[in-house]
Amino acid sequence: MTFYEQYGTFAILAIVGCVLYAVIMLVNRVMRPSVPSPQKLTTYECGVDSVGTGWSQMNIRYYVFAFLFVIFDVEAIFLFPWAVIFGSLDATTQPSQIFALVAMFLFIGTLLEGLAYAWKKGVLKWE
């Protein structure tokens, strides 16, 4: 298979995916029930009628906490498969156990460095 044939296969797959998405959205629009009413168009949140506008400024710390949570959640996701594979490594396998251990310590060290930086900047203070 040549270089251009591989891109052609990918292009066909991308086109088929886009067409399939468009067909599914069109079928959804045609088949869904549509009975608009003023009651359906009102703002409803958690069983309480909203008062005032829906726009309010949020503290940036909420977003930073969420971002830090995602970072450490991803770290935990990477630790589980590494631990499973690490158990099957020995001195004869490539990479060795020492290499895998050093690589994971570097990974965790980089994340801890980011956490220390956030702590030093006072990002983790909840007021």
C-alpha atoms as a PDB file:
ATOM      1  CA  MET A   1       0.000   0.000   0.000  1.00  0.00           C
ATOM      2  CA  THR A   2       1.500   3.318  -1.055  1.00  0.00           C
ATOM      3  CA  PHE A   3       1.664   6.525   0.904  1.00  0.00           C
ATOM      4  CA  TYR A   4      -1.208   8.136  -1.029  1.00  0.00           C
ATOM      5  CA  GLU A   5      -3.394   5.041  -0.785  1.00  0.00           C
ATOM      6  CA  GLN A   6      -3.124   5.235   3.005  1.00  0.00           C
ATOM      7  CA  TYR A   7      -4.252   8.868   2.968  1.00  0.00           C
ATOM      8  CA  GLY A   8      -7.024   7.945   0.539  1.00  0.00           C
ATOM      9  CA  THR A   9      -8.268   5.284   2.939  1.00  0.00           C
ATOM     10  CA  PHE A  10      -8.229   7.807   5.773  1.00  0.00           C
ATOM     11  CA  ALA A  11     -10.028  10.420   3.647  1.00  0.00           C
ATOM     12  CA  ILE A  12     -12.754   7.931   2.718  1.00  0.00           C
ATOM     13  CA  LEU A  13     -13.167   6.975   6.374  1.00  0.00           C
ATOM     14  CA  ALA A  14     -13.397  10.654   7.394  1.00  0.00           C
ATOM     15  CA  ILE A  15     -15.976  11.378   4.675  1.00  0.00           C
ATOM     16  CA  VAL A  16     -18.073   8.344   5.628  1.00  0.00           C
ATOM     17  CA  GLY A  17     -17.945   9.441   9.275  1.00  0.00           C
ATOM     18  CA  CYS A  18     -19.089  12.983   8.426  1.00  0.00           C
ATOM     19  CA  VAL A  19     -21.901  11.707   6.193  1.00  0.00           C
ATOM     20  CA  LEU A  20     -23.021   9.247   8.876  1.00  0.00           C
ATOM     21  CA  TYR A  21     -23.080  12.061  11.454  1.00  0.00           C
ATOM     22  CA  ALA A  22     -25.120  14.277   9.117  1.00  0.00           C
ATOM     23  CA  VAL A  23     -27.607  11.468   8.411  1.00  0.00           C
ATOM     24  CA  ILE A  24     -28.051  10.705  12.119  1.00  0.00           C
ATOM     25  CA  MET A  25     -28.656  14.392  12.906  1.00  0.00           C
ATOM     26  CA  LEU A  26     -31.138  14.688  10.028  1.00  0.00           C
ATOM     27  CA  VAL A  27     -33.061  11.577  11.135  1.00  0.00           C
ATOM     28  CA  ASN A  28     -33.115  12.932  14.688  1.00  0.00           C
ATOM     29  CA  ARG A  29     -34.527  16.275  13.530  1.00  0.00           C
ATOM     30  CA  VAL A  30     -37.211  14.602  11.384  1.00  0.00           C
ATOM     31  CA  MET A  31     -38.330  12.016  13.952  1.00  0.00           C
ATOM     32  CA  ARG A  32     -38.327  14.052  17.160  1.00  0.00           C
ATOM     33  CA  PRO A  33     -41.573  15.452  18.493  1.00  0.00           C
ATOM     34  CA  SER A  34     -41.711  19.234  18.417  1.00  0.00           C
ATOM     35  CA  VAL A  35     -44.411  20.841  20.545  1.00  0.00           C
ATOM     36  CA  PRO A  36     -43.074  24.245  21.612  1.00  0.00           C
ATOM     37  CA  SER A  37     -44.896  26.097  24.365  1.00  0.00           C
ATOM     38  CA  PRO A  38     -44.107  29.140  26.486  1.00  0.00           C
ATOM     39  CA  GLN A  39     -43.697  26.888  29.529  1.00  0.00           C
ATOM     40  CA  LYS A  40     -40.965  24.875  27.782  1.00  0.00           C
ATOM     41  CA  LEU A  41     -39.073  28.020  26.850  1.00  0.00           C
ATOM     42  CA  THR A  42     -38.763  29.288  30.431  1.00  0.00           C
ATOM     43  CA  THR A  43     -35.521  28.951  32.352  1.00  0.00           C
ATOM     44  CA  TYR A  44     -35.600  26.101  34.860  1.00  0.00           C
ATOM     45  CA  GLU A  45     -32.800  25.198  37.187  1.00  0.00           C
ATOM     46  CA  CYS A  46     -32.904  22.626  39.979  1.00  0.00           C
ATOM     47  CA  GLY A  47     -36.606  23.007  40.644  1.00  0.00           C
ATOM     48  CA  VAL A  48     -36.366  26.727  41.410  1.00  0.00           C
ATOM     49  CA  ASP A  49     -37.434  29.506  39.076  1.00  0.00           C
ATOM     50  CA  SER A  50     -34.425  31.609  38.251  1.00  0.00           C
ATOM     51  CA  VAL A  51     -34.325  35.212  39.400  1.00  0.00           C
ATOM     52  CA  GLY A  52     -32.369  37.831  37.489  1.00  0.00           C
ATOM     53  CA  THR A  53     -29.905  37.134  34.723  1.00  0.00           C
ATOM     54  CA  GLY A  54     -28.006  33.915  34.356  1.00  0.00           C
ATOM     55  CA  TRP A  55     -24.666  35.687  33.968  1.00  0.00           C
ATOM     56  CA  SER A  56     -22.420  35.922  36.986  1.00  0.00           C
ATOM     57  CA  GLN A  57     -18.691  36.112  37.286  1.00  0.00           C
ATOM     58  CA  MET A  58     -17.082  33.015  38.755  1.00  0.00           C
ATOM     59  CA  ASN A  59     -13.880  32.978  40.738  1.00  0.00           C
ATOM     60  CA  ILE A  60     -10.994  31.664  38.632  1.00  0.00           C
ATOM     61  CA  ARG A  61      -9.955  29.365  41.488  1.00  0.00           C
ATOM     62  CA  TYR A  62     -12.864  27.043  40.744  1.00  0.00           C
ATOM     63  CA  TYR A  63     -11.458  26.466  37.273  1.00  0.00           C
ATOM     64  CA  VAL A  64      -7.932  25.999  38.593  1.00  0.00           C
ATOM     65  CA  PHE A  65      -9.152  23.403  41.110  1.00  0.00           C
ATOM     66  CA  ALA A  66     -10.999  21.587  38.339  1.00  0.00           C
ATOM     67  CA  PHE A  67      -7.908  21.688  36.142  1.00  0.00           C
ATOM     68  CA  LEU A  68      -5.704  20.326  38.929  1.00  0.00           C
ATOM     69  CA  PHE A  69      -8.240  17.577  39.570  1.00  0.00           C
ATOM     70  CA  VAL A  70      -8.113  16.562  35.909  1.00  0.00           C
ATOM     71  CA  ILE A  71      -4.310  16.523  35.946  1.00  0.00           C
ATOM     72  CA  PHE A  72      -4.114  14.228  38.964  1.00  0.00           C
ATOM     73  CA  ASP A  73      -6.991  12.104  37.716  1.00  0.00           C
ATOM     74  CA  VAL A  74      -5.070  11.498  34.497  1.00  0.00           C
ATOM     75  CA  GLU A  75      -2.022  10.657  36.574  1.00  0.00           C
ATOM     76  CA  ALA A  76      -3.987   7.965  38.398  1.00  0.00           C
ATOM     77  CA  ILE A  77      -5.247   6.591  35.087  1.00  0.00           C
ATOM     78  CA  PHE A  78      -1.654   6.250  33.849  1.00  0.00           C
ATOM     79  CA  LEU A  79      -0.472   4.597  37.059  1.00  0.00           C
ATOM     80  CA  PHE A  80      -2.776   1.552  36.856  1.00  0.00           C
ATOM     81  CA  PRO A  81      -1.635   0.145  33.481  1.00  0.00           C
ATOM     82  CA  TRP A  82       1.961   0.956  34.353  1.00  0.00           C
ATOM     83  CA  ALA A  83       1.646  -1.068  37.569  1.00  0.00           C
ATOM     84  CA  VAL A  84       0.181  -4.032  35.677  1.00  0.00           C
ATOM     85  CA  ILE A  85       2.947  -3.990  33.066  1.00  0.00           C
ATOM     86  CA  PHE A  86       5.647  -3.351  35.667  1.00  0.00           C
ATOM     87  CA  GLY A  87       4.781  -6.629  37.368  1.00  0.00           C
ATOM     88  CA  SER A  88       5.541  -8.599  34.188  1.00  0.00           C
ATOM     89  CA  LEU A  89       8.939  -6.973  33.568  1.00  0.00           C
ATOM     90  CA  ASP A  90      12.177  -8.629  34.597  1.00  0.00           C
ATOM     91  CA  ALA A  91      15.890  -8.245  33.855  1.00  0.00           C
ATOM     92  CA  THR A  92      15.558  -9.929  30.445  1.00  0.00           C
ATOM     93  CA  THR A  93      12.712  -7.821  29.054  1.00  0.00           C
ATOM     94  CA  GLN A  94      13.040  -4.619  27.115  1.00  0.00           C
ATOM     95  CA  PRO A  95      12.570  -2.102  28.779  1.00  0.00           C
ATOM     96  CA  SER A  96      13.928  -3.246  32.094  1.00  0.00           C
ATOM     97  CA  GLN A  97      12.280  -2.756  35.453  1.00  0.00           C
ATOM     98  CA  ILE A  98      14.780  -0.061  36.392  1.00  0.00           C
ATOM     99  CA  PHE A  99      13.995   1.939  33.241  1.00  0.00           C
ATOM    100  CA  ALA A 100      10.239   1.672  33.843  1.00  0.00           C
ATOM    101  CA  LEU A 101      10.660   2.675  37.478  1.00  0.00           C
ATOM    102  CA  VAL A 102      12.822   5.700  36.624  1.00  0.00           C
ATOM    103  CA  ALA A 103      10.381   6.772  33.906  1.00  0.00           C
ATOM    104  CA  MET A 104       7.452   6.641  36.328  1.00  0.00           C
ATOM    105  CA  PHE A 105       9.376   8.569  38.989  1.00  0.00           C
ATOM    106  CA  LEU A 106      10.129  11.246  36.387  1.00  0.00           C
ATOM    107  CA  PHE A 107       6.435  11.372  35.464  1.00  0.00           C
ATOM    108  CA  ILE A 108       5.304  11.665  39.078  1.00  0.00           C
ATOM    109  CA  GLY A 109       8.105  14.140  39.809  1.00  0.00           C
ATOM    110  CA  THR A 110       6.949  16.400  36.995  1.00  0.00           C
ATOM    111  CA  LEU A 111       3.412  16.367  38.363  1.00  0.00           C
ATOM    112  CA  LEU A 112       4.642  17.036  41.889  1.00  0.00           C
ATOM    113  CA  GLU A 113       6.700  19.941  40.570  1.00  0.00           C
ATOM    114  CA  GLY A 114       3.530  21.422  39.080  1.00  0.00           C
ATOM    115  CA  LEU A 115       1.682  20.893  42.358  1.00  0.00           C
ATOM    116  CA  ALA A 116       4.502  22.573  44.312  1.00  0.00           C
ATOM    117  CA  TYR A 117       4.409  25.517  41.903  1.00  0.00           C
ATOM    118  CA  ALA A 118       0.638  25.863  42.345  1.00  0.00           C
ATOM    119  CA  TRP A 119       1.032  25.635  46.118  1.00  0.00           C
ATOM    120  CA  LYS A 120       3.813  28.260  46.103  1.00  0.00           C
ATOM    121  CA  LYS A 121       1.671  30.643  44.045  1.00  0.00           C
ATOM    122  CA  GLY A 122      -1.181  30.265  46.549  1.00  0.00           C
ATOM    123  CA  VAL A 123      -3.567  28.691  44.067  1.00  0.00           C
ATOM    124  CA  LEU A 124      -4.627  25.981  46.498  1.00  0.00           C
ATOM    125  CA  LYS A 125      -5.877  28.394  49.181  1.00  0.00           C
ATOM    126  CA  TRP A 126      -9.637  28.184  49.464  1.00  0.00           C
ATOM    127  CA  GLU A 127     -11.228  31.364  50.765  1.00  0.00           C
END
